[in-house]
Amino acid sequence: MKRVGFFLFAVLAVAGIVAHLGQASGQSPGQSEGDSSPIYGVKIPAGYRDWQLIAVKQLHIPDKGDQLRAQLGNDIAV
């Protein structure tokens, strides 16, 4: 009886690990990797590396200092 309990526990542990790894990959079941790229939890459209520079802006944010920000856009936005 102890062998059956240990075997059942082992099967459930492996199934839990496999299920967790599937969720941790961050990819939904119907989504392919080419559709978007997850960066810091934000989905970026495919082809974003080809976007062109539209504008540059310098901001002063209290308690954080000066920041330089760039606005990018795809061919439709440009």
PDB file of N, CA and C in Angstrom:
ATOM      1  N   MET A   1       0.822  -1.195   0.000  1.00  0.00           N
ATOM      2  CA  MET A   1       0.000   0.000   0.000  1.00  0.00           C
ATOM      3  C   MET A   1       0.868   1.262   0.000  1.00  0.00           C
ATOM      4  N   LYS A   2       2.021   1.196   0.649  1.00  0.00           N
ATOM      5  CA  LYS A   2       2.904   2.356   0.693  1.00  0.00           C
ATOM      6  C   LYS A   2       3.477   2.655  -0.693  1.00  0.00           C
ATOM      7  N   ARG A   3       3.729   1.624  -1.474  1.00  0.00           N
ATOM      8  CA  ARG A   3       4.269   1.819  -2.821  1.00  0.00           C
ATOM      9  C   ARG A   3       3.267   2.541  -3.721  1.00  0.00           C
ATOM     10  N   VAL A   4       1.995   2.193  -3.588  1.00  0.00           N
ATOM     11  CA  VAL A   4       0.957   2.826  -4.402  1.00  0.00           C
ATOM     12  C   VAL A   4       0.839   4.299  -4.033  1.00  0.00           C
ATOM     13  N   GLY A   5       0.888   4.608  -2.757  1.00  0.00           N
ATOM     14  CA  GLY A   5       0.806   6.002  -2.302  1.00  0.00           C
ATOM     15  C   GLY A   5       2.002   6.818  -2.779  1.00  0.00           C
ATOM     16  N   PHE A   6       3.199   6.220  -2.694  1.00  0.00           N
ATOM     17  CA  PHE A   6       4.399   6.913  -3.149  1.00  0.00           C
ATOM     18  C   PHE A   6       4.352   7.131  -4.660  1.00  0.00           C
ATOM     19  N   PHE A   7       3.910   6.123  -5.413  1.00  0.00           N
ATOM     20  CA  PHE A   7       3.804   6.245  -6.864  1.00  0.00           C
ATOM     21  C   PHE A   7       2.797   7.337  -7.239  1.00  0.00           C
ATOM     22  N   LEU A   8       1.668   7.372  -6.557  1.00  0.00           N
ATOM     23  CA  LEU A   8       0.656   8.398  -6.821  1.00  0.00           C
ATOM     24  C   LEU A   8       1.202   9.790  -6.515  1.00  0.00           C
ATOM     25  N   PHE A   9       1.918   9.921  -5.414  1.00  0.00           N
ATOM     26  CA  PHE A   9       2.523  11.209  -5.056  1.00  0.00           C
ATOM     27  C   PHE A   9       3.536  11.648  -6.118  1.00  0.00           C
ATOM     28  N   ALA A  10       4.361  10.715  -6.597  1.00  0.00           N
ATOM     29  CA  ALA A  10       5.373  11.037  -7.601  1.00  0.00           C
ATOM     30  C   ALA A  10       4.724  11.485  -8.900  1.00  0.00           C
ATOM     31  N   VAL A  11       3.676  10.817  -9.324  1.00  0.00           N
ATOM     32  CA  VAL A  11       2.976  11.173 -10.562  1.00  0.00           C
ATOM     33  C   VAL A  11       2.349  12.571 -10.430  1.00  0.00           C
ATOM     34  N   LEU A  12       1.727  12.846  -9.299  1.00  0.00           N
ATOM     35  CA  LEU A  12       1.118  14.162  -9.093  1.00  0.00           C
ATOM     36  C   LEU A  12       2.182  15.263  -9.028  1.00  0.00           C
ATOM     37  N   ALA A  13       3.318  14.982  -8.425  1.00  0.00           N
ATOM     38  CA  ALA A  13       4.390  15.977  -8.350  1.00  0.00           C
ATOM     39  C   ALA A  13       4.927  16.298  -9.743  1.00  0.00           C
ATOM     40  N   VAL A  14       5.153  15.292 -10.562  1.00  0.00           N
ATOM     41  CA  VAL A  14       5.654  15.514 -11.921  1.00  0.00           C
ATOM     42  C   VAL A  14       4.619  16.267 -12.745  1.00  0.00           C
ATOM     43  N   ALA A  15       3.342  15.920 -12.603  1.00  0.00           N
ATOM     44  CA  ALA A  15       2.293  16.615 -13.344  1.00  0.00           C
ATOM     45  C   ALA A  15       2.213  18.083 -12.926  1.00  0.00           C
ATOM     46  N   GLY A  16       2.376  18.367 -11.639  1.00  0.00           N
ATOM     47  CA  GLY A  16       2.357  19.745 -11.160  1.00  0.00           C
ATOM     48  C   GLY A  16       3.526  20.556 -11.700  1.00  0.00           C
ATOM     49  N   ILE A  17       4.702  19.946 -11.749  1.00  0.00           N
ATOM     50  CA  ILE A  17       5.880  20.635 -12.271  1.00  0.00           C
ATOM     51  C   ILE A  17       5.708  20.936 -13.755  1.00  0.00           C
ATOM     52  N   VAL A  18       5.204  19.974 -14.509  1.00  0.00           N
ATOM     53  CA  VAL A  18       4.993  20.177 -15.948  1.00  0.00           C
ATOM     54  C   VAL A  18       3.960  21.282 -16.183  1.00  0.00           C
ATOM     55  N   ALA A  19       2.885  21.296 -15.396  1.00  0.00           N
ATOM     56  CA  ALA A  19       1.861  22.330 -15.551  1.00  0.00           C
ATOM     57  C   ALA A  19       2.417  23.701 -15.201  1.00  0.00           C
ATOM     58  N   HIS A  20       3.243  23.769 -14.173  1.00  0.00           N
ATOM     59  CA  HIS A  20       3.827  25.057 -13.778  1.00  0.00           C
ATOM     60  C   HIS A  20       4.798  25.566 -14.843  1.00  0.00           C
ATOM     61  N   LEU A  21       5.592  24.701 -15.420  1.00  0.00           N
ATOM     62  CA  LEU A  21       6.533  25.126 -16.456  1.00  0.00           C
ATOM     63  C   LEU A  21       5.806  25.654 -17.682  1.00  0.00           C
ATOM     64  N   GLY A  22       4.664  25.075 -18.021  1.00  0.00           N
ATOM     65  CA  GLY A  22       3.873  25.561 -19.149  1.00  0.00           C
ATOM     66  C   GLY A  22       3.341  26.962 -18.897  1.00  0.00           C
ATOM     67  N   GLN A  23       2.923  27.257 -17.679  1.00  0.00           N
ATOM     68  CA  GLN A  23       2.421  28.580 -17.340  1.00  0.00           C
ATOM     69  C   GLN A  23       3.563  29.578 -17.201  1.00  0.00           C
ATOM     70  N   ALA A  24       4.693  29.138 -16.686  1.00  0.00           N
ATOM     71  CA  ALA A  24       5.824  30.041 -16.456  1.00  0.00           C
ATOM     72  C   ALA A  24       6.464  30.498 -17.758  1.00  0.00           C
ATOM     73  N   SER A  25       6.234  29.773 -18.848  1.00  0.00           N
ATOM     74  CA  SER A  25       6.835  30.187 -20.110  1.00  0.00           C
ATOM     75  C   SER A  25       6.218  31.478 -20.625  1.00  0.00           C
ATOM     76  N   GLY A  26       5.022  31.843 -20.136  1.00  0.00           N
ATOM     77  CA  GLY A  26       4.397  33.098 -20.515  1.00  0.00           C
ATOM     78  C   GLY A  26       3.742  33.066 -21.882  1.00  0.00           C
ATOM     79  N   GLN A  27       3.613  31.912 -22.461  1.00  0.00           N
ATOM     80  CA  GLN A  27       3.029  31.813 -23.794  1.00  0.00           C
ATOM     81  C   GLN A  27       1.668  31.164 -23.689  1.00  0.00           C
ATOM     82  N   SER A  28       0.662  31.826 -24.223  1.00  0.00           N
ATOM     83  CA  SER A  28      -0.670  31.259 -24.197  1.00  0.00           C
ATOM     84  C   SER A  28      -0.765  30.144 -25.231  1.00  0.00           C
ATOM     85  N   PRO A  29      -1.717  29.219 -25.074  1.00  0.00           N
ATOM     86  CA  PRO A  29      -1.768  28.045 -25.949  1.00  0.00           C
ATOM     87  C   PRO A  29      -1.900  28.348 -27.434  1.00  0.00           C
ATOM     88  N   GLY A  30      -2.626  29.385 -27.846  1.00  0.00           N
ATOM     89  CA  GLY A  30      -2.840  29.649 -29.258  1.00  0.00           C
ATOM     90  C   GLY A  30      -1.897  30.681 -29.852  1.00  0.00           C
ATOM     91  N   GLN A  31      -0.820  30.987 -29.169  1.00  0.00           N
ATOM     92  CA  GLN A  31       0.058  32.070 -29.604  1.00  0.00           C
ATOM     93  C   GLN A  31       1.400  31.511 -30.041  1.00  0.00           C
ATOM     94  N   SER A  32       1.894  31.978 -31.174  1.00  0.00           N
ATOM     95  CA  SER A  32       3.220  31.561 -31.613  1.00  0.00           C
ATOM     96  C   SER A  32       4.235  32.609 -31.187  1.00  0.00           C
ATOM     97  N   GLU A  33       5.511  32.248 -31.151  1.00  0.00           N
ATOM     98  CA  GLU A  33       6.548  33.159 -30.677  1.00  0.00           C
ATOM     99  C   GLU A  33       6.749  34.341 -31.618  1.00  0.00           C
ATOM    100  N   GLY A  34       6.446  34.209 -32.907  1.00  0.00           N
ATOM    101  CA  GLY A  34       6.661  35.278 -33.855  1.00  0.00           C
ATOM    102  C   GLY A  34       5.640  36.396 -33.759  1.00  0.00           C
ATOM    103  N   ASP A  35       4.507  36.163 -33.065  1.00  0.00           N
ATOM    104  CA  ASP A  35       3.459  37.174 -32.976  1.00  0.00           C
ATOM    105  C   ASP A  35       3.886  38.382 -32.153  1.00  0.00           C
ATOM    106  N   SER A  36       4.544  38.158 -31.038  1.00  0.00           N
ATOM    107  CA  SER A  36       4.950  39.253 -30.174  1.00  0.00           C
ATOM    108  C   SER A  36       6.103  38.807 -29.297  1.00  0.00           C
ATOM    109  N   SER A  37       6.706  39.777 -28.629  1.00  0.00           N
ATOM    110  CA  SER A  37       7.853  39.507 -27.784  1.00  0.00           C
ATOM    111  C   SER A  37       7.574  40.044 -26.388  1.00  0.00           C
ATOM    112  N   PRO A  38       7.565  39.193 -25.359  1.00  0.00           N
ATOM    113  CA  PRO A  38       7.292  39.702 -24.016  1.00  0.00           C
ATOM    114  C   PRO A  38       8.522  40.373 -23.412  1.00  0.00           C
ATOM    115  N   ILE A  39       8.393  41.642 -23.071  1.00  0.00           N
ATOM    116  CA  ILE A  39       9.467  42.379 -22.422  1.00  0.00           C
ATOM    117  C   ILE A  39       8.889  43.017 -21.170  1.00  0.00           C
ATOM    118  N   TYR A  40       9.386  42.636 -20.011  1.00  0.00           N
ATOM    119  CA  TYR A  40       8.907  43.131 -18.725  1.00  0.00           C
ATOM    120  C   TYR A  40       7.397  42.984 -18.608  1.00  0.00           C
ATOM    121  N   GLY A  41       6.846  41.909 -19.120  1.00  0.00           N
ATOM    122  CA  GLY A  41       5.419  41.650 -19.007  1.00  0.00           C
ATOM    123  C   GLY A  41       4.565  42.379 -20.026  1.00  0.00           C
ATOM    124  N   VAL A  42       5.162  43.140 -20.926  1.00  0.00           N
ATOM    125  CA  VAL A  42       4.425  43.894 -21.945  1.00  0.00           C
ATOM    126  C   VAL A  42       4.638  43.217 -23.290  1.00  0.00           C
ATOM    127  N   LYS A  43       3.574  43.006 -24.033  1.00  0.00           N
ATOM    128  CA  LYS A  43       3.682  42.381 -25.353  1.00  0.00           C
ATOM    129  C   LYS A  43       4.033  43.445 -26.391  1.00  0.00           C
ATOM    130  N   ILE A  44       5.166  43.268 -27.043  1.00  0.00           N
ATOM    131  CA  ILE A  44       5.634  44.184 -28.074  1.00  0.00           C
ATOM    132  C   ILE A  44       5.363  43.525 -29.431  1.00  0.00           C
ATOM    133  N   PRO A  45       4.791  44.237 -30.405  1.00  0.00           N
ATOM    134  CA  PRO A  45       4.484  43.639 -31.705  1.00  0.00           C
ATOM    135  C   PRO A  45       5.741  43.154 -32.431  1.00  0.00           C
ATOM    136  N   ALA A  46       5.567  42.135 -33.250  1.00  0.00           N
ATOM    137  CA  ALA A  46       6.672  41.630 -34.061  1.00  0.00           C
ATOM    138  C   ALA A  46       7.146  42.728 -35.003  1.00  0.00           C
ATOM    139  N   GLY A  47       8.447  42.815 -35.217  1.00  0.00           N
ATOM    140  CA  GLY A  47       9.004  43.815 -36.113  1.00  0.00           C
ATOM    141  C   GLY A  47       9.329  45.139 -35.443  1.00  0.00           C
ATOM    142  N   TYR A  48       9.212  45.204 -34.107  1.00  0.00           N
ATOM    143  CA  TYR A  48       9.454  46.472 -33.427  1.00  0.00           C
ATOM    144  C   TYR A  48      10.913  46.920 -33.537  1.00  0.00           C
ATOM    145  N   ARG A  49      11.811  46.009 -33.804  1.00  0.00           N
ATOM    146  CA  ARG A  49      13.222  46.383 -33.923  1.00  0.00           C
ATOM    147  C   ARG A  49      13.490  47.178 -35.210  1.00  0.00           C
ATOM    148  N   ASP A  50      12.571  47.162 -36.144  1.00  0.00           N
ATOM    149  CA  ASP A  50      12.734  47.890 -37.399  1.00  0.00           C
ATOM    150  C   ASP A  50      12.098  49.275 -37.362  1.00  0.00           C
ATOM    151  N   TRP A  51      11.512  49.661 -36.219  1.00  0.00           N
ATOM    152  CA  TRP A  51      10.852  50.954 -36.127  1.00  0.00           C
ATOM    153  C   TRP A  51      11.867  52.085 -36.237  1.00  0.00           C
ATOM    154  N   GLN A  52      11.398  53.229 -36.766  1.00  0.00           N
ATOM    155  CA  GLN A  52      12.265  54.387 -36.982  1.00  0.00           C
ATOM    156  C   GLN A  52      12.040  55.435 -35.902  1.00  0.00           C
ATOM    157  N   LEU A  53      13.042  56.280 -35.697  1.00  0.00           N
ATOM    158  CA  LEU A  53      12.971  57.357 -34.719  1.00  0.00           C
ATOM    159  C   LEU A  53      12.068  58.473 -35.258  1.00  0.00           C
ATOM    160  N   ILE A  54      11.076  58.880 -34.465  1.00  0.00           N
ATOM    161  CA  ILE A  54      10.180  59.968 -34.842  1.00  0.00           C
ATOM    162  C   ILE A  54      10.582  61.254 -34.125  1.00  0.00           C
ATOM    163  N   ALA A  55      10.795  61.177 -32.806  1.00  0.00           N
ATOM    164  CA  ALA A  55      11.119  62.390 -32.041  1.00  0.00           C
ATOM    165  C   ALA A  55      11.924  62.017 -30.797  1.00  0.00           C
ATOM    166  N   VAL A  56      12.659  63.006 -30.286  1.00  0.00           N
ATOM    167  CA  VAL A  56      13.409  62.865 -29.038  1.00  0.00           C
ATOM    168  C   VAL A  56      12.959  63.981 -28.118  1.00  0.00           C
ATOM    169  N   LYS A  57      12.790  63.675 -26.825  1.00  0.00           N
ATOM    170  CA  LYS A  57      12.296  64.665 -25.882  1.00  0.00           C
ATOM    171  C   LYS A  57      13.065  64.543 -24.575  1.00  0.00           C
ATOM    172  N   GLN A  58      13.432  65.693 -23.984  1.00  0.00           N
ATOM    173  CA  GLN A  58      14.090  65.702 -22.685  1.00  0.00           C
ATOM    174  C   GLN A  58      13.078  66.145 -21.647  1.00  0.00           C
ATOM    175  N   LEU A  59      12.923  65.348 -20.601  1.00  0.00           N
ATOM    176  CA  LEU A  59      11.956  65.629 -19.547  1.00  0.00           C
ATOM    177  C   LEU A  59      12.672  65.829 -18.223  1.00  0.00           C
ATOM    178  N   HIS A  60      12.120  66.695 -17.398  1.00  0.00           N
ATOM    179  CA  HIS A  60      12.606  66.820 -16.027  1.00  0.00           C
ATOM    180  C   HIS A  60      11.514  66.285 -15.116  1.00  0.00           C
ATOM    181  N   ILE A  61      11.812  65.215 -14.411  1.00  0.00           N
ATOM    182  CA  ILE A  61      10.855  64.594 -13.505  1.00  0.00           C
ATOM    183  C   ILE A  61      11.338  64.853 -12.083  1.00  0.00           C
ATOM    184  N   PRO A  62      10.493  65.493 -11.255  1.00  0.00           N
ATOM    185  CA  PRO A  62      10.899  65.772  -9.873  1.00  0.00           C
ATOM    186  C   PRO A  62      11.314  64.489  -9.151  1.00  0.00           C
ATOM    187  N   ASP A  63      12.338  64.573  -8.358  1.00  0.00           N
ATOM    188  CA  ASP A  63      12.894  63.470  -7.567  1.00  0.00           C
ATOM    189  C   ASP A  63      13.582  62.404  -8.407  1.00  0.00           C
ATOM    190  N   LYS A  64      13.556  62.509  -9.717  1.00  0.00           N
ATOM    191  CA  LYS A  64      14.230  61.533 -10.570  1.00  0.00           C
ATOM    192  C   LYS A  64      15.241  62.190 -11.502  1.00  0.00           C
ATOM    193  N   GLY A  65      15.143  63.487 -11.685  1.00  0.00           N
ATOM    194  CA  GLY A  65      16.091  64.190 -12.533  1.00  0.00           C
ATOM    195  C   GLY A  65      15.650  64.246 -13.983  1.00  0.00           C
ATOM    196  N   ASP A  66      16.628  64.489 -14.856  1.00  0.00           N
ATOM    197  CA  ASP A  66      16.348  64.609 -16.285  1.00  0.00           C
ATOM    198  C   ASP A  66      16.333  63.240 -16.959  1.00  0.00           C
ATOM    199  N   GLN A  67      15.436  63.086 -17.914  1.00  0.00           N
ATOM    200  CA  GLN A  67      15.352  61.862 -18.697  1.00  0.00           C
ATOM    201  C   GLN A  67      15.300  62.219 -20.169  1.00  0.00           C
ATOM    202  N   LEU A  68      15.905  61.391 -20.980  1.00  0.00           N
ATOM    203  CA  LEU A  68      15.866  61.536 -22.427  1.00  0.00           C
ATOM    204  C   LEU A  68      15.011  60.398 -22.970  1.00  0.00           C
ATOM    205  N   ARG A  69      13.939  60.720 -23.680  1.00  0.00           N
ATOM    206  CA  ARG A  69      13.020  59.707 -24.194  1.00  0.00           C
ATOM    207  C   ARG A  69      12.955  59.798 -25.716  1.00  0.00           C
ATOM    208  N   ALA A  70      12.808  58.645 -26.334  1.00  0.00           N
ATOM    209  CA  ALA A  70      12.704  58.566 -27.795  1.00  0.00           C
ATOM    210  C   ALA A  70      11.344  58.007 -28.160  1.00  0.00           C
ATOM    211  N   GLN A  71      10.725  58.589 -29.187  1.00  0.00           N
ATOM    212  CA  GLN A  71       9.460  58.095 -29.701  1.00  0.00           C
ATOM    213  C   GLN A  71       9.754  57.371 -30.999  1.00  0.00           C
ATOM    214  N   LEU A  72       9.342  56.119 -31.081  1.00  0.00           N
ATOM    215  CA  LEU A  72       9.567  55.288 -32.253  1.00  0.00           C
ATOM    216  C   LEU A  72       8.249  54.987 -32.931  1.00  0.00           C
ATOM    217  N   GLY A  73       8.310  54.645 -34.219  1.00  0.00           N
ATOM    218  CA  GLY A  73       7.103  54.290 -34.936  1.00  0.00           C
ATOM    219  C   GLY A  73       7.394  53.386 -36.119  1.00  0.00           C
ATOM    220  N   ASN A  74       6.393  52.583 -36.475  1.00  0.00           N
ATOM    221  CA  ASN A  74       6.534  51.721 -37.644  1.00  0.00           C
ATOM    222  C   ASN A  74       6.280  52.523 -38.920  1.00  0.00           C
ATOM    223  N   ASP A  75       6.277  51.878 -40.059  1.00  0.00           N
ATOM    224  CA  ASP A  75       6.122  52.580 -41.339  1.00  0.00           C
ATOM    225  C   ASP A  75       4.779  53.311 -41.425  1.00  0.00           C
ATOM    226  N   ILE A  76       3.739  52.747 -40.853  1.00  0.00           N
ATOM    227  CA  ILE A  76       2.417  53.385 -40.889  1.00  0.00           C
ATOM    228  C   ILE A  76       2.435  54.671 -40.053  1.00  0.00           C
ATOM    229  N   ALA A  77       3.078  54.638 -38.894  1.00  0.00           N
ATOM    230  CA  ALA A  77       3.135  55.823 -38.025  1.00  0.00           C
ATOM    231  C   ALA A  77       4.015  56.913 -38.628  1.00  0.00           C
ATOM    232  N   VAL A  78       5.079  56.525 -39.301  1.00  0.00           N
ATOM    233  CA  VAL A  78       5.993  57.517 -39.890  1.00  0.00           C
ATOM    234  C   VAL A  78       5.303  58.140 -41.080  1.00  0.00           C
TER     235      VAL A  78
END
